[in-house]
Amino acid sequence: LGCKIRIANQIRHGEIDRIRHGSSPLYLGVPETFEAVRYHSLVIEANDRIIVDASSLTDGSIMGFHTPDMMVYGIQYHPESLYTPSGEMILRNFLEA
């Protein structure tokens, strides 16, 4: 999708973060802000081919996006982790999207 990938200002391995999301179908029934665990050292920079729909409240990093046609979704946290309480709902929404 052409987004630039760069090294994050701070590496996040096993850190629980607060994330705020928008109106993507991925987040139906998920509180507007939720906790998720992060394991990464890279982040993306947005461009006009994606719609950012989730970001970190800690550092503003993009935590989720989708394409305008909603055929591609991307996330930068681990919904399958025990430390992401809304993760099961996010995964269920993904399967139904």
N, C-alpha and C. Protein backbone atom coordinates (compact mmCIF):
# COMPACT_ATOMS: atom_id res chain seq x y z
N LEU A 1 0.81 -1.21 0.00
CA LEU A 1 0.00 0.00 0.00
C LEU A 1 0.85 1.26 0.00
N GLY A 2 2.16 1.08 0.00
CA GLY A 2 3.04 2.21 -0.15
C GLY A 2 3.37 3.01 1.09
N CYS A 3 2.93 2.55 2.26
CA CYS A 3 3.26 3.27 3.50
C CYS A 3 4.74 3.10 3.82
N LYS A 4 5.35 4.14 4.32
CA LYS A 4 6.74 4.04 4.76
C LYS A 4 6.80 3.34 6.11
N ILE A 5 7.76 2.46 6.25
CA ILE A 5 8.00 1.76 7.51
C ILE A 5 9.29 2.34 8.09
N ARG A 6 9.25 2.65 9.38
CA ARG A 6 10.45 3.20 10.02
C ARG A 6 10.61 2.60 11.41
N ILE A 7 11.79 2.77 11.96
CA ILE A 7 12.05 2.32 13.33
C ILE A 7 11.30 3.24 14.28
N ALA A 8 10.61 2.64 15.23
CA ALA A 8 9.83 3.40 16.21
C ALA A 8 10.76 4.21 17.11
N ASN A 9 10.25 5.30 17.63
CA ASN A 9 11.04 6.10 18.58
C ASN A 9 11.36 5.31 19.84
N GLN A 10 10.45 4.42 20.21
CA GLN A 10 10.67 3.56 21.38
C GLN A 10 10.21 2.15 21.03
N ILE A 11 11.06 1.18 21.28
CA ILE A 11 10.71 -0.22 21.04
C ILE A 11 9.67 -0.65 22.07
N ARG A 12 8.65 -1.36 21.62
CA ARG A 12 7.56 -1.81 22.49
C ARG A 12 7.50 -3.33 22.45
N HIS A 13 8.09 -3.98 23.42
CA HIS A 13 8.05 -5.44 23.49
C HIS A 13 7.36 -5.86 24.77
N GLY A 14 6.15 -6.37 24.64
CA GLY A 14 5.41 -6.85 25.79
C GLY A 14 4.80 -5.74 26.62
N GLU A 15 4.59 -4.58 26.03
CA GLU A 15 4.00 -3.46 26.77
C GLU A 15 2.51 -3.37 26.52
N ILE A 16 1.77 -3.14 27.58
CA ILE A 16 0.34 -2.92 27.46
C ILE A 16 0.12 -1.43 27.21
N ASP A 17 -0.69 -1.12 26.23
CA ASP A 17 -0.92 0.27 25.84
C ASP A 17 -2.42 0.51 25.71
N ARG A 18 -2.81 1.77 25.79
CA ARG A 18 -4.21 2.16 25.55
C ARG A 18 -4.31 2.59 24.10
N ILE A 19 -5.32 2.08 23.44
CA ILE A 19 -5.53 2.37 22.02
C ILE A 19 -6.92 2.97 21.85
N ARG A 20 -7.01 3.97 21.00
CA ARG A 20 -8.30 4.58 20.65
C ARG A 20 -8.59 4.21 19.20
N HIS A 21 -9.83 3.79 18.95
CA HIS A 21 -10.20 3.40 17.59
C HIS A 21 -11.31 4.29 17.05
N GLY A 22 -11.50 4.18 15.74
CA GLY A 22 -12.56 4.92 15.05
C GLY A 22 -13.74 4.02 14.76
N SER A 23 -14.29 4.16 13.57
CA SER A 23 -15.54 3.48 13.25
C SER A 23 -15.38 2.28 12.32
N SER A 24 -14.21 1.70 12.26
CA SER A 24 -14.01 0.51 11.44
C SER A 24 -14.88 -0.64 11.94
N PRO A 25 -15.39 -1.48 11.04
CA PRO A 25 -16.16 -2.66 11.46
C PRO A 25 -15.36 -3.59 12.37
N LEU A 26 -14.05 -3.49 12.34
CA LEU A 26 -13.21 -4.31 13.21
C LEU A 26 -13.50 -4.06 14.68
N TYR A 27 -14.00 -2.88 15.01
CA TYR A 27 -14.16 -2.48 16.40
C TYR A 27 -15.61 -2.41 16.87
N LEU A 28 -16.52 -3.06 16.15
CA LEU A 28 -17.92 -3.09 16.58
C LEU A 28 -18.01 -3.73 17.96
N GLY A 29 -18.62 -3.02 18.91
CA GLY A 29 -18.78 -3.55 20.26
C GLY A 29 -17.57 -3.42 21.16
N VAL A 30 -16.48 -2.84 20.65
CA VAL A 30 -15.26 -2.65 21.43
C VAL A 30 -15.28 -1.24 22.01
N PRO A 31 -14.96 -1.07 23.30
CA PRO A 31 -14.92 0.29 23.87
C PRO A 31 -14.03 1.21 23.02
N GLU A 32 -14.37 2.50 22.99
CA GLU A 32 -13.62 3.45 22.16
C GLU A 32 -12.13 3.44 22.47
N THR A 33 -11.78 3.27 23.72
CA THR A 33 -10.38 3.05 24.10
C THR A 33 -10.30 1.68 24.77
N PHE A 34 -9.24 0.96 24.47
CA PHE A 34 -9.07 -0.38 25.02
C PHE A 34 -7.59 -0.66 25.22
N GLU A 35 -7.29 -1.65 26.04
CA GLU A 35 -5.90 -2.05 26.28
C GLU A 35 -5.51 -3.14 25.30
N ALA A 36 -4.27 -3.08 24.84
CA ALA A 36 -3.73 -4.10 23.96
C ALA A 36 -2.23 -4.21 24.21
N VAL A 37 -1.70 -5.39 23.95
CA VAL A 37 -0.26 -5.57 24.15
C VAL A 37 0.45 -5.34 22.81
N ARG A 38 1.60 -4.68 22.90
CA ARG A 38 2.40 -4.35 21.72
C ARG A 38 3.73 -5.08 21.79
N TYR A 39 4.15 -5.62 20.65
CA TYR A 39 5.45 -6.28 20.49
C TYR A 39 6.00 -5.84 19.14
N HIS A 40 6.65 -4.71 19.07
CA HIS A 40 7.20 -4.28 17.78
C HIS A 40 8.23 -3.18 17.97
N SER A 41 9.05 -3.05 16.93
CA SER A 41 10.05 -1.98 16.92
C SER A 41 9.93 -1.12 15.66
N LEU A 42 8.95 -1.42 14.82
CA LEU A 42 8.71 -0.67 13.59
C LEU A 42 7.31 -0.07 13.61
N VAL A 43 7.14 1.05 12.94
CA VAL A 43 5.83 1.68 12.78
C VAL A 43 5.67 2.11 11.32
N ILE A 44 4.43 2.37 10.93
CA ILE A 44 4.20 2.87 9.57
C ILE A 44 3.81 4.34 9.62
N GLU A 45 4.01 5.00 8.50
CA GLU A 45 3.56 6.37 8.33
C GLU A 45 2.40 6.34 7.34
N ALA A 46 1.33 7.02 7.66
CA ALA A 46 0.12 7.01 6.83
C ALA A 46 0.36 7.66 5.47
N ASN A 47 -0.42 7.22 4.51
CA ASN A 47 -0.47 7.88 3.21
C ASN A 47 -1.93 7.96 2.78
N ASP A 48 -2.18 8.41 1.56
CA ASP A 48 -3.57 8.60 1.13
C ASP A 48 -4.25 7.32 0.65
N ARG A 49 -3.58 6.18 0.77
CA ARG A 49 -4.17 4.91 0.36
C ARG A 49 -4.76 4.13 1.53
N ILE A 50 -4.59 4.66 2.76
CA ILE A 50 -5.15 3.98 3.93
C ILE A 50 -5.96 4.98 4.76
N ILE A 51 -6.85 4.42 5.58
CA ILE A 51 -7.60 5.20 6.56
C ILE A 51 -7.16 4.71 7.93
N VAL A 52 -6.55 5.58 8.70
CA VAL A 52 -6.11 5.22 10.05
C VAL A 52 -7.34 5.14 10.93
N ASP A 53 -7.52 4.00 11.60
CA ASP A 53 -8.70 3.84 12.45
C ASP A 53 -8.38 3.45 13.88
N ALA A 54 -7.09 3.39 14.23
CA ALA A 54 -6.70 3.14 15.62
C ALA A 54 -5.30 3.69 15.84
N SER A 55 -5.10 4.30 17.01
CA SER A 55 -3.78 4.84 17.33
C SER A 55 -3.52 4.72 18.83
N SER A 56 -2.24 4.71 19.15
CA SER A 56 -1.80 4.62 20.54
C SER A 56 -2.07 5.93 21.26
N LEU A 57 -2.63 5.84 22.45
CA LEU A 57 -2.80 7.05 23.27
C LEU A 57 -1.48 7.45 23.92
N THR A 58 -0.52 6.55 23.96
CA THR A 58 0.78 6.84 24.57
C THR A 58 1.68 7.66 23.65
N ASP A 59 1.81 7.21 22.40
CA ASP A 59 2.76 7.88 21.51
C ASP A 59 2.20 8.26 20.14
N GLY A 60 0.91 8.02 19.91
CA GLY A 60 0.29 8.40 18.65
C GLY A 60 0.57 7.49 17.48
N SER A 61 1.31 6.40 17.70
CA SER A 61 1.62 5.47 16.61
C SER A 61 0.34 4.89 16.02
N ILE A 62 0.38 4.63 14.73
CA ILE A 62 -0.75 3.98 14.06
C ILE A 62 -0.84 2.55 14.57
N MET A 63 -2.00 2.19 15.09
CA MET A 63 -2.23 0.85 15.60
C MET A 63 -3.21 0.07 14.75
N GLY A 64 -3.89 0.74 13.82
CA GLY A 64 -4.81 0.05 12.94
C GLY A 64 -5.19 0.92 11.76
N PHE A 65 -5.45 0.26 10.63
CA PHE A 65 -5.89 0.98 9.43
C PHE A 65 -6.72 0.04 8.56
N HIS A 66 -7.40 0.62 7.60
CA HIS A 66 -8.06 -0.16 6.55
C HIS A 66 -8.00 0.64 5.25
N THR A 67 -8.21 -0.06 4.15
CA THR A 67 -8.27 0.61 2.86
C THR A 67 -9.69 1.16 2.68
N PRO A 68 -9.85 2.16 1.81
CA PRO A 68 -11.18 2.76 1.63
C PRO A 68 -12.26 1.74 1.25
N ASP A 69 -11.90 0.69 0.51
CA ASP A 69 -12.90 -0.32 0.14
C ASP A 69 -13.08 -1.39 1.22
N MET A 70 -12.35 -1.26 2.33
CA MET A 70 -12.39 -2.18 3.48
C MET A 70 -12.06 -3.62 3.09
N MET A 71 -11.21 -3.77 2.08
CA MET A 71 -10.77 -5.11 1.68
C MET A 71 -9.46 -5.49 2.38
N VAL A 72 -8.75 -4.51 2.93
CA VAL A 72 -7.50 -4.77 3.64
C VAL A 72 -7.57 -4.08 4.99
N TYR A 73 -7.25 -4.84 6.04
CA TYR A 73 -7.16 -4.31 7.40
C TYR A 73 -5.75 -4.59 7.90
N GLY A 74 -5.22 -3.69 8.70
CA GLY A 74 -3.92 -3.91 9.32
C GLY A 74 -3.96 -3.46 10.77
N ILE A 75 -3.29 -4.21 11.63
CA ILE A 75 -3.19 -3.82 13.04
C ILE A 75 -1.75 -3.99 13.49
N GLN A 76 -1.36 -3.25 14.52
CA GLN A 76 0.02 -3.25 15.01
C GLN A 76 0.04 -3.61 16.49
N TYR A 77 -0.85 -4.45 16.92
CA TYR A 77 -0.89 -4.95 18.29
C TYR A 77 -1.35 -6.39 18.21
N HIS A 78 -1.42 -7.05 19.33
CA HIS A 78 -1.73 -8.48 19.34
C HIS A 78 -3.10 -8.77 19.94
N PRO A 79 -4.13 -8.93 19.09
CA PRO A 79 -5.47 -9.21 19.62
C PRO A 79 -5.57 -10.59 20.24
N GLU A 80 -4.69 -11.50 19.86
CA GLU A 80 -4.74 -12.87 20.39
C GLU A 80 -4.16 -12.98 21.79
N SER A 81 -3.53 -11.93 22.28
CA SER A 81 -2.87 -11.97 23.59
C SER A 81 -3.88 -11.90 24.73
N LEU A 82 -3.54 -12.58 25.79
CA LEU A 82 -4.32 -12.53 27.03
C LEU A 82 -4.41 -11.09 27.54
N TYR A 83 -3.42 -10.27 27.22
CA TYR A 83 -3.36 -8.89 27.70
C TYR A 83 -4.11 -7.91 26.80
N THR A 84 -4.88 -8.43 25.85
CA THR A 84 -5.75 -7.61 25.01
C THR A 84 -7.18 -8.09 25.27
N PRO A 85 -7.83 -7.58 26.32
CA PRO A 85 -9.14 -8.10 26.72
C PRO A 85 -10.21 -8.07 25.62
N SER A 86 -10.17 -7.10 24.73
CA SER A 86 -11.17 -7.03 23.64
C SER A 86 -10.72 -7.79 22.40
N GLY A 87 -9.60 -8.48 22.50
CA GLY A 87 -9.03 -9.15 21.34
C GLY A 87 -9.92 -10.17 20.68
N GLU A 88 -10.63 -10.96 21.49
CA GLU A 88 -11.50 -11.98 20.91
C GLU A 88 -12.60 -11.34 20.06
N MET A 89 -13.15 -10.24 20.54
CA MET A 89 -14.19 -9.55 19.78
C MET A 89 -13.62 -8.95 18.49
N ILE A 90 -12.42 -8.40 18.56
CA ILE A 90 -11.77 -7.83 17.37
C ILE A 90 -11.55 -8.92 16.33
N LEU A 91 -11.06 -10.09 16.77
CA LEU A 91 -10.84 -11.20 15.84
C LEU A 91 -12.16 -11.70 15.25
N ARG A 92 -13.19 -11.79 16.06
CA ARG A 92 -14.50 -12.20 15.56
C ARG A 92 -15.01 -11.20 14.52
N ASN A 93 -14.86 -9.92 14.81
CA ASN A 93 -15.29 -8.90 13.85
C ASN A 93 -14.51 -9.01 12.54
N PHE A 94 -13.22 -9.32 12.64
CA PHE A 94 -12.39 -9.48 11.44
C PHE A 94 -12.93 -10.62 10.57
N LEU A 95 -13.25 -11.73 11.21
CA LEU A 95 -13.75 -12.88 10.45
C LEU A 95 -15.10 -12.60 9.79
N GLU A 96 -15.87 -11.69 10.37
CA GLU A 96 -17.19 -11.36 9.82
C GLU A 96 -17.15 -10.17 8.86
N ALA A 97 -16.03 -9.46 8.80
CA ALA A 97 -15.94 -8.25 7.96
C ALA A 97 -15.89 -8.60 6.47
